N, C-alpha and C. Protein backbone atom coordinates (compact mmCIF):
# COMPACT_ATOMS: atom_id res chain seq x y z
N MET A 1 -14.12 8.87 -8.46
CA MET A 1 -13.50 8.27 -9.29
C MET A 1 -13.92 7.29 -9.77
N LYS A 2 -14.42 7.84 -11.28
CA LYS A 2 -14.79 6.79 -12.26
C LYS A 2 -14.43 5.02 -12.56
N GLY A 3 -15.15 4.49 -11.93
CA GLY A 3 -14.90 2.91 -12.25
C GLY A 3 -14.48 2.93 -13.56
N PHE A 4 -13.97 0.93 -14.06
CA PHE A 4 -13.91 1.02 -15.07
C PHE A 4 -14.84 1.02 -16.30
N THR A 5 -16.05 0.35 -15.74
CA THR A 5 -16.99 0.26 -16.31
C THR A 5 -17.70 1.65 -17.14
N GLU A 6 -17.57 2.56 -16.58
CA GLU A 6 -17.97 3.82 -16.74
C GLU A 6 -17.09 4.65 -17.62
N LYS A 7 -15.75 4.67 -16.75
CA LYS A 7 -14.82 5.30 -17.83
C LYS A 7 -14.52 5.21 -19.27
N PHE A 8 -15.05 3.81 -19.47
CA PHE A 8 -15.05 3.10 -21.02
C PHE A 8 -16.04 3.00 -21.68
N GLY A 9 -17.59 3.30 -21.16
CA GLY A 9 -18.43 3.07 -21.69
C GLY A 9 -18.86 1.85 -21.52
N CYS A 10 -18.25 0.81 -20.76
CA CYS A 10 -19.46 -0.15 -20.99
C CYS A 10 -20.24 -0.54 -19.86
N ASN A 11 -20.80 0.30 -19.55
CA ASN A 11 -22.12 0.01 -18.21
C ASN A 11 -23.28 -0.52 -19.78
N GLY A 12 -24.17 -1.12 -18.69
CA GLY A 12 -25.21 -1.97 -19.38
C GLY A 12 -25.39 -3.36 -19.50
N PRO A 13 -26.30 -3.75 -20.13
CA PRO A 13 -26.26 -5.39 -20.27
C PRO A 13 -25.43 -5.77 -21.13
N GLU A 14 -24.70 -5.40 -22.13
CA GLU A 14 -24.05 -5.93 -22.97
C GLU A 14 -22.29 -6.20 -22.37
N ALA A 15 -22.27 -5.51 -20.78
CA ALA A 15 -21.01 -5.52 -20.20
C ALA A 15 -21.25 -6.05 -18.71
N SER A 16 -22.39 -6.78 -18.53
CA SER A 16 -22.32 -6.88 -17.39
C SER A 16 -21.58 -8.46 -17.01
N TRP A 17 -21.42 -8.99 -18.13
CA TRP A 17 -20.24 -10.52 -18.10
C TRP A 17 -19.07 -9.74 -17.66
N LEU A 18 -18.35 -8.61 -18.03
CA LEU A 18 -17.30 -7.79 -17.43
C LEU A 18 -17.13 -8.14 -15.85
N LYS A 19 -18.38 -7.49 -15.32
CA LYS A 19 -18.15 -7.75 -13.76
C LYS A 19 -18.45 -9.01 -13.18
N ASN A 20 -18.76 -9.82 -13.97
CA ASN A 20 -18.88 -11.22 -13.33
C ASN A 20 -17.27 -11.99 -13.63
N THR A 21 -16.60 -11.56 -14.04
CA THR A 21 -15.47 -12.22 -14.48
C THR A 21 -14.58 -12.22 -13.01
N LEU A 22 -13.45 -13.30 -12.82
CA LEU A 22 -12.52 -13.47 -11.82
C LEU A 22 -11.90 -12.11 -11.77
N LEU A 23 -11.12 -11.87 -13.17
CA LEU A 23 -10.33 -10.88 -12.84
C LEU A 23 -10.78 -9.41 -12.65
N PHE A 24 -12.15 -9.18 -12.80
CA PHE A 24 -12.72 -7.98 -12.77
C PHE A 24 -13.07 -8.00 -11.19
N ARG A 25 -13.09 -9.30 -10.39
CA ARG A 25 -13.89 -8.87 -9.16
C ARG A 25 -12.64 -8.89 -8.19
N GLN A 26 -11.17 -9.45 -8.62
CA GLN A 26 -10.13 -9.48 -7.93
C GLN A 26 -9.66 -7.94 -7.81
N TRP A 27 -9.67 -7.44 -9.37
CA TRP A 27 -9.19 -6.07 -9.41
C TRP A 27 -9.96 -5.12 -8.30
N GLU A 28 -11.34 -5.34 -8.22
CA GLU A 28 -12.08 -4.19 -7.41
C GLU A 28 -11.73 -4.64 -5.83
N GLY A 29 -11.18 -5.89 -5.60
CA GLY A 29 -10.74 -5.57 -4.35
C GLY A 29 -9.53 -5.57 -4.23
N MET A 30 -8.58 -5.15 -4.82
CA MET A 30 -7.30 -4.87 -4.74
C MET A 30 -7.52 -3.39 -4.58
N LYS A 31 -8.55 -2.58 -5.53
CA LYS A 31 -8.57 -1.39 -5.97
C LYS A 31 -9.30 -0.70 -4.62
N GLN A 32 -10.11 -1.66 -3.94
CA GLN A 32 -10.52 -1.15 -2.51
C GLN A 32 -9.36 -1.29 -1.39
N GLU A 33 -8.47 -2.08 -1.29
CA GLU A 33 -7.56 -2.33 -0.56
C GLU A 33 -6.49 -1.05 -0.88
N ILE A 34 -5.96 -0.62 -1.95
CA ILE A 34 -5.03 0.26 -2.29
C ILE A 34 -5.68 1.49 -1.66
N LEU A 35 -7.06 1.70 -2.00
CA LEU A 35 -7.24 3.15 -1.24
C LEU A 35 -7.40 2.97 0.30
N LEU A 36 -7.58 1.99 0.77
CA LEU A 36 -7.63 2.01 2.19
C LEU A 36 -6.12 2.11 2.74
N HIS A 37 -5.20 1.67 2.04
CA HIS A 37 -4.21 1.92 2.17
C HIS A 37 -3.16 2.98 1.76
N LYS A 38 -3.91 3.92 0.73
CA LYS A 38 -3.40 5.06 0.56
C LYS A 38 -4.18 6.20 1.80
N TRP A 39 -5.33 5.44 2.03
CA TRP A 39 -5.80 6.55 3.31
C TRP A 39 -5.06 6.42 4.71
N TYR A 40 -4.42 5.35 4.98
CA TYR A 40 -3.91 4.95 5.95
C TYR A 40 -2.03 5.89 5.97
N GLU A 41 -1.51 5.39 4.60
CA GLU A 41 -0.67 6.12 4.43
C GLU A 41 -0.45 7.86 4.18
N SER A 42 -1.71 8.40 4.15
CA SER A 42 -2.07 9.85 3.84
C SER A 42 -2.10 9.98 4.95
N GLU A 43 -2.72 9.66 6.10
CA GLU A 43 -2.60 10.02 7.71
C GLU A 43 -1.61 10.13 8.07
N LYS A 44 -0.51 9.07 7.74
CA LYS A 44 0.64 8.95 8.51
C LYS A 44 1.72 10.01 8.12
N ALA A 45 1.60 10.15 6.99
CA ALA A 45 2.44 11.03 5.93
C ALA A 45 2.08 12.81 6.67
N GLY A 46 0.49 13.27 6.90
CA GLY A 46 0.28 14.12 6.97
C GLY A 46 -0.37 14.49 5.57
N TYR A 47 -0.23 13.86 4.39
CA TYR A 47 -0.87 15.02 3.30
C TYR A 47 -0.80 13.83 2.56
N ASP A 48 -1.66 13.86 1.27
CA ASP A 48 -2.46 12.90 0.65
C ASP A 48 -1.05 12.31 -0.24
N ILE A 49 -1.04 11.21 -0.43
CA ILE A 49 0.45 10.24 -1.10
C ILE A 49 -0.29 10.20 -2.44
N GLY A 50 -1.35 10.18 -2.77
CA GLY A 50 -1.65 9.92 -4.27
C GLY A 50 -2.15 8.71 -4.38
N TRP A 51 -2.57 8.49 -5.33
CA TRP A 51 -3.08 7.05 -6.00
C TRP A 51 -1.66 5.94 -6.43
N GLU A 52 -1.21 6.80 -7.34
CA GLU A 52 0.16 6.08 -7.81
C GLU A 52 1.14 5.50 -6.78
N ARG A 53 1.26 6.18 -5.87
CA ARG A 53 2.82 6.13 -4.88
C ARG A 53 1.86 4.86 -3.83
N ALA A 54 0.65 5.44 -3.76
CA ALA A 54 -0.31 4.51 -2.45
C ALA A 54 -0.11 2.69 -3.11
N ALA A 55 -0.22 2.87 -4.59
CA ALA A 55 -0.57 1.66 -5.55
C ALA A 55 0.86 0.57 -5.62
N VAL A 56 2.11 1.46 -5.72
CA VAL A 56 3.01 0.74 -5.96
C VAL A 56 3.48 0.55 -4.24
N ASP A 57 3.11 1.10 -3.43
CA ASP A 57 4.08 0.81 -2.17
C ASP A 57 2.74 -0.42 -1.64
N TRP A 58 1.95 -0.26 -1.48
CA TRP A 58 0.65 -1.58 -1.73
C TRP A 58 1.09 -2.84 -2.51
N MET A 59 1.32 -2.81 -3.57
CA MET A 59 1.95 -3.68 -4.53
C MET A 59 3.08 -4.34 -3.94
N ILE A 60 4.07 -3.65 -3.57
CA ILE A 60 5.20 -4.39 -2.39
C ILE A 60 4.97 -4.59 -1.11
N LYS A 61 4.15 -3.85 -0.70
CA LYS A 61 3.93 -4.81 0.77
C LYS A 61 3.25 -5.58 0.68
N HIS A 62 2.18 -5.83 0.27
CA HIS A 62 0.87 -6.55 0.16
C HIS A 62 0.23 -7.13 -1.01
N GLY A 63 1.17 -6.95 -2.17
CA GLY A 63 0.45 -7.41 -3.37
C GLY A 63 0.66 -9.03 -3.37
N PRO A 64 0.02 -9.28 -5.03
CA PRO A 64 -0.39 -10.44 -4.99
C PRO A 64 1.20 -11.35 -4.59
N MET A 65 2.09 -10.99 -5.09
CA MET A 65 3.53 -11.38 -5.04
C MET A 65 4.24 -11.52 -3.78
N CYS A 66 3.58 -10.63 -3.06
CA CYS A 66 3.70 -10.71 -1.44
C CYS A 66 3.37 -11.89 -1.27
N THR A 67 1.98 -11.85 -1.26
CA THR A 67 1.06 -13.09 -0.30
C THR A 67 1.90 -14.45 -1.13
N ARG A 68 1.99 -14.64 -2.45
CA ARG A 68 2.58 -15.98 -2.91
C ARG A 68 3.67 -16.40 -2.27
N GLN A 69 4.80 -15.02 -1.73
CA GLN A 69 5.98 -15.84 -1.15
C GLN A 69 5.54 -16.02 0.03
N ALA A 70 4.89 -15.73 0.85
CA ALA A 70 4.81 -16.08 2.32
C ALA A 70 4.07 -17.22 2.43
N GLU A 71 3.13 -17.84 1.11
CA GLU A 71 2.33 -19.01 0.93
C GLU A 71 3.55 -19.97 1.09
N GLU A 72 4.20 -19.71 0.09
CA GLU A 72 5.70 -20.67 -0.09
C GLU A 72 6.42 -20.92 0.82
N ASN A 73 6.79 -19.54 1.47
CA ASN A 73 7.83 -20.01 2.87
C ASN A 73 7.20 -20.85 4.15
N LYS A 74 5.65 -20.75 3.94
CA LYS A 74 5.10 -21.65 5.09
C LYS A 74 5.74 -23.00 4.63
N HIS A 75 5.53 -23.65 3.47
CA HIS A 75 5.46 -25.09 3.41
C HIS A 75 7.03 -25.55 3.92
N PHE A 76 8.31 -24.43 4.14
CA PHE A 76 9.30 -24.97 4.35
C PHE A 76 9.85 -24.98 5.55
């Protein structure tokens, strides 16, 4: 799978700033987590569940909103 910078032709010195942004680093981390989730869930299901299903399932179960809600619940 091509990365963002390769897919949109943003590689080279003119795009190095992009890879250093917080947004890009967070997306790379989330992407790795979703790929791992996809692998685990596909193994459980016995077939490849696909990127979209894995991404949606990961967002519901482990995504940023779940993390934020868990942190808010700690304070009460």
